[in-house]
Structure formats: C-alpha cells, structure tokens
C-alpha cells in the first residue's frame, strides 16, 4: 500500500530534481562507483535470499520460544 501512495506522489519533475541533487552532491565521477556498489549489494541480497529459499525447502522450522 505504501508503494501505491509513493508512486502517486512522485512524478517526473521530482525524479529530475532528485537526479540533479545527487549529481551536484556526488559529482559525475563518483556516481558510477555508487551504482556499482548498489548493484553488488542487490546481487548479494538476491543470492542470499535464493540460498535461504533453497535451504528451507523440505525443512520445517520449529517455532522459537
């Protein structure tokens, strides 16, 4: 539900303003490094969730007390 609210509030002008602010704050040279780090983080997160899914198949966890 929160995504639907945010999607209705953020339009293209706001996206352009955010991009300009990021460009001013970090500069053109730093942005590729930031995106590379973000991509690695997303990849690690996906690998961790996939590994967890594979490990939990067929196993029934007991409730924690």
N, C-alpha and C. Protein backbone atom coordinates (compact mmCIF):
# COMPACT_ATOMS: atom_id res chain seq x y z
N UNK A 1 0.82 -1.18 0.00
CA UNK A 1 0.00 0.00 0.00
C UNK A 1 0.86 1.25 0.00
N UNK A 2 1.99 1.18 0.70
CA UNK A 2 2.87 2.34 0.78
C UNK A 2 3.45 2.67 -0.59
N UNK A 3 3.75 1.64 -1.40
CA UNK A 3 4.28 1.88 -2.73
C UNK A 3 3.29 2.61 -3.60
N UNK A 4 2.02 2.27 -3.47
CA UNK A 4 0.99 2.94 -4.27
C UNK A 4 0.88 4.41 -3.88
N UNK A 5 1.03 4.69 -2.61
CA UNK A 5 0.96 6.08 -2.15
C UNK A 5 2.16 6.86 -2.68
N UNK A 6 3.36 6.27 -2.57
CA UNK A 6 4.55 6.96 -3.04
C UNK A 6 4.56 7.13 -4.55
N UNK A 7 4.05 6.15 -5.27
CA UNK A 7 4.02 6.22 -6.73
C UNK A 7 3.12 7.36 -7.18
N UNK A 8 2.07 7.62 -6.44
CA UNK A 8 1.17 8.71 -6.79
C UNK A 8 1.74 10.07 -6.45
N UNK A 9 2.68 10.12 -5.54
CA UNK A 9 3.22 11.40 -5.08
C UNK A 9 4.47 11.83 -5.84
N UNK A 10 5.22 10.89 -6.38
CA UNK A 10 6.48 11.23 -7.05
C UNK A 10 6.26 11.18 -8.55
N UNK A 11 6.47 12.31 -9.20
CA UNK A 11 6.32 12.40 -10.64
C UNK A 11 7.66 12.63 -11.31
N UNK A 12 7.63 12.82 -12.62
CA UNK A 12 8.88 13.03 -13.36
C UNK A 12 9.61 14.29 -12.94
N UNK A 13 8.94 15.41 -12.68
CA UNK A 13 9.71 16.58 -12.22
C UNK A 13 10.48 16.31 -10.93
N UNK A 14 9.86 15.57 -10.00
CA UNK A 14 10.55 15.26 -8.75
C UNK A 14 11.73 14.33 -8.98
N UNK A 15 11.58 13.40 -9.90
CA UNK A 15 12.69 12.48 -10.22
C UNK A 15 13.86 13.26 -10.79
N UNK A 16 13.59 14.21 -11.68
CA UNK A 16 14.66 15.02 -12.26
C UNK A 16 15.35 15.86 -11.19
N UNK A 17 14.58 16.41 -10.26
CA UNK A 17 15.18 17.21 -9.18
C UNK A 17 16.07 16.33 -8.33
N UNK A 18 15.63 15.12 -8.00
CA UNK A 18 16.44 14.20 -7.20
C UNK A 18 17.73 13.85 -7.94
N UNK A 19 17.64 13.59 -9.24
CA UNK A 19 18.84 13.26 -10.02
C UNK A 19 19.82 14.41 -10.05
N UNK A 20 19.33 15.63 -10.20
CA UNK A 20 20.21 16.80 -10.22
C UNK A 20 20.89 16.98 -8.86
N UNK A 21 20.14 16.80 -7.78
CA UNK A 21 20.73 16.94 -6.44
C UNK A 21 21.80 15.89 -6.22
N UNK A 22 21.55 14.65 -6.63
CA UNK A 22 22.55 13.59 -6.49
C UNK A 22 23.79 13.93 -7.31
N UNK A 23 23.60 14.43 -8.52
CA UNK A 23 24.73 14.80 -9.36
C UNK A 23 25.55 15.91 -8.73
N UNK A 24 24.90 16.89 -8.15
CA UNK A 24 25.61 18.00 -7.50
C UNK A 24 26.34 17.52 -6.26
N UNK A 25 25.69 16.67 -5.46
CA UNK A 25 26.31 16.22 -4.22
C UNK A 25 27.50 15.30 -4.45
N UNK A 26 27.38 14.36 -5.38
CA UNK A 26 28.41 13.35 -5.54
C UNK A 26 29.33 13.59 -6.73
N UNK A 27 28.93 14.40 -7.67
CA UNK A 27 29.75 14.65 -8.84
C UNK A 27 29.65 13.53 -9.86
N UNK A 28 30.02 13.83 -11.08
CA UNK A 28 29.90 12.87 -12.18
C UNK A 28 30.81 11.67 -12.07
N UNK A 29 31.94 11.83 -11.41
CA UNK A 29 32.90 10.72 -11.33
C UNK A 29 32.52 9.70 -10.27
N UNK A 30 31.83 10.15 -9.24
CA UNK A 30 31.52 9.26 -8.12
C UNK A 30 30.27 8.42 -8.38
N UNK A 31 29.36 8.88 -9.22
CA UNK A 31 28.09 8.18 -9.45
C UNK A 31 28.28 6.76 -10.00
N UNK A 32 29.15 6.52 -10.99
CA UNK A 32 29.34 5.12 -11.44
C UNK A 32 29.81 4.19 -10.32
N UNK A 33 30.66 4.70 -9.44
CA UNK A 33 31.13 3.89 -8.31
C UNK A 33 29.97 3.57 -7.37
N UNK A 34 29.12 4.55 -7.13
CA UNK A 34 27.96 4.33 -6.26
C UNK A 34 27.01 3.30 -6.87
N UNK A 35 26.77 3.40 -8.16
CA UNK A 35 25.87 2.46 -8.83
C UNK A 35 26.45 1.05 -8.85
N UNK A 36 27.77 0.95 -9.00
CA UNK A 36 28.43 -0.35 -8.98
C UNK A 36 28.27 -1.00 -7.61
N UNK A 37 28.46 -0.22 -6.57
CA UNK A 37 28.28 -0.74 -5.21
C UNK A 37 26.83 -1.13 -4.94
N UNK A 38 25.90 -0.34 -5.44
CA UNK A 38 24.48 -0.66 -5.28
C UNK A 38 24.14 -1.96 -6.00
N UNK A 39 24.67 -2.13 -7.20
CA UNK A 39 24.43 -3.36 -7.96
C UNK A 39 24.98 -4.58 -7.26
N UNK A 40 26.17 -4.46 -6.69
CA UNK A 40 26.76 -5.58 -5.95
C UNK A 40 25.92 -5.91 -4.73
N UNK A 41 25.42 -4.90 -4.05
CA UNK A 41 24.58 -5.13 -2.88
C UNK A 41 23.29 -5.85 -3.23
N UNK A 42 22.66 -5.44 -4.33
CA UNK A 42 21.42 -6.08 -4.77
C UNK A 42 21.70 -7.53 -5.17
N UNK A 43 22.82 -7.76 -5.85
CA UNK A 43 23.18 -9.11 -6.28
C UNK A 43 23.41 -10.01 -5.06
N UNK A 44 24.11 -9.50 -4.05
CA UNK A 44 24.36 -10.29 -2.85
C UNK A 44 23.06 -10.58 -2.12
N UNK A 45 22.15 -9.61 -2.08
CA UNK A 45 20.86 -9.81 -1.43
C UNK A 45 20.06 -10.90 -2.13
N UNK A 46 20.04 -10.86 -3.46
CA UNK A 46 19.31 -11.88 -4.22
C UNK A 46 19.92 -13.25 -3.99
N UNK A 47 21.25 -13.34 -4.00
CA UNK A 47 21.91 -14.62 -3.77
C UNK A 47 21.59 -15.15 -2.37
N UNK A 48 21.57 -14.27 -1.39
CA UNK A 48 21.28 -14.70 -0.02
C UNK A 48 19.85 -15.18 0.10
N UNK A 49 18.91 -14.49 -0.52
CA UNK A 49 17.52 -14.92 -0.43
C UNK A 49 17.31 -16.23 -1.18
N UNK A 50 17.97 -16.39 -2.32
CA UNK A 50 17.84 -17.64 -3.07
C UNK A 50 18.45 -18.80 -2.30
N UNK A 51 19.58 -18.58 -1.67
CA UNK A 51 20.23 -19.61 -0.87
C UNK A 51 19.35 -19.99 0.31
N UNK A 52 18.76 -19.00 0.94
CA UNK A 52 17.87 -19.26 2.08
C UNK A 52 16.65 -20.05 1.63
N UNK A 53 16.10 -19.71 0.47
CA UNK A 53 14.94 -20.45 -0.06
C UNK A 53 15.30 -21.90 -0.33
N UNK A 54 16.48 -22.13 -0.92
CA UNK A 54 16.90 -23.49 -1.23
C UNK A 54 17.16 -24.29 0.04
N UNK A 55 17.70 -23.63 1.05
CA UNK A 55 17.98 -24.32 2.31
C UNK A 55 16.71 -24.66 3.06
N UNK A 56 15.69 -23.84 2.92
CA UNK A 56 14.47 -24.05 3.69
C UNK A 56 13.48 -24.99 3.01
N UNK A 57 13.73 -25.37 1.76
CA UNK A 57 12.83 -26.31 1.09
C UNK A 57 12.92 -27.66 1.75
N UNK A 58 11.76 -28.20 2.09
CA UNK A 58 11.74 -29.52 2.70
C UNK A 58 11.99 -29.51 4.19
N UNK A 59 12.40 -28.41 4.74
CA UNK A 59 12.65 -28.33 6.17
C UNK A 59 11.49 -27.59 6.82
N UNK A 60 11.11 -28.08 7.96
CA UNK A 60 10.06 -27.40 8.72
C UNK A 60 10.72 -26.85 9.97
N UNK A 61 10.63 -25.55 10.13
CA UNK A 61 11.24 -24.94 11.29
C UNK A 61 10.30 -25.03 12.49
N UNK A 62 10.89 -25.31 13.63
CA UNK A 62 10.10 -25.34 14.84
C UNK A 62 9.95 -23.91 15.35
N UNK A 63 8.81 -23.60 15.94
CA UNK A 63 8.62 -22.24 16.45
C UNK A 63 9.62 -21.95 17.57
N UNK A 64 10.13 -20.73 17.57
CA UNK A 64 11.08 -20.32 18.58
C UNK A 64 10.34 -19.91 19.84
N UNK A 65 10.90 -20.31 20.96
CA UNK A 65 10.24 -19.97 22.24
C UNK A 65 10.95 -18.86 22.93
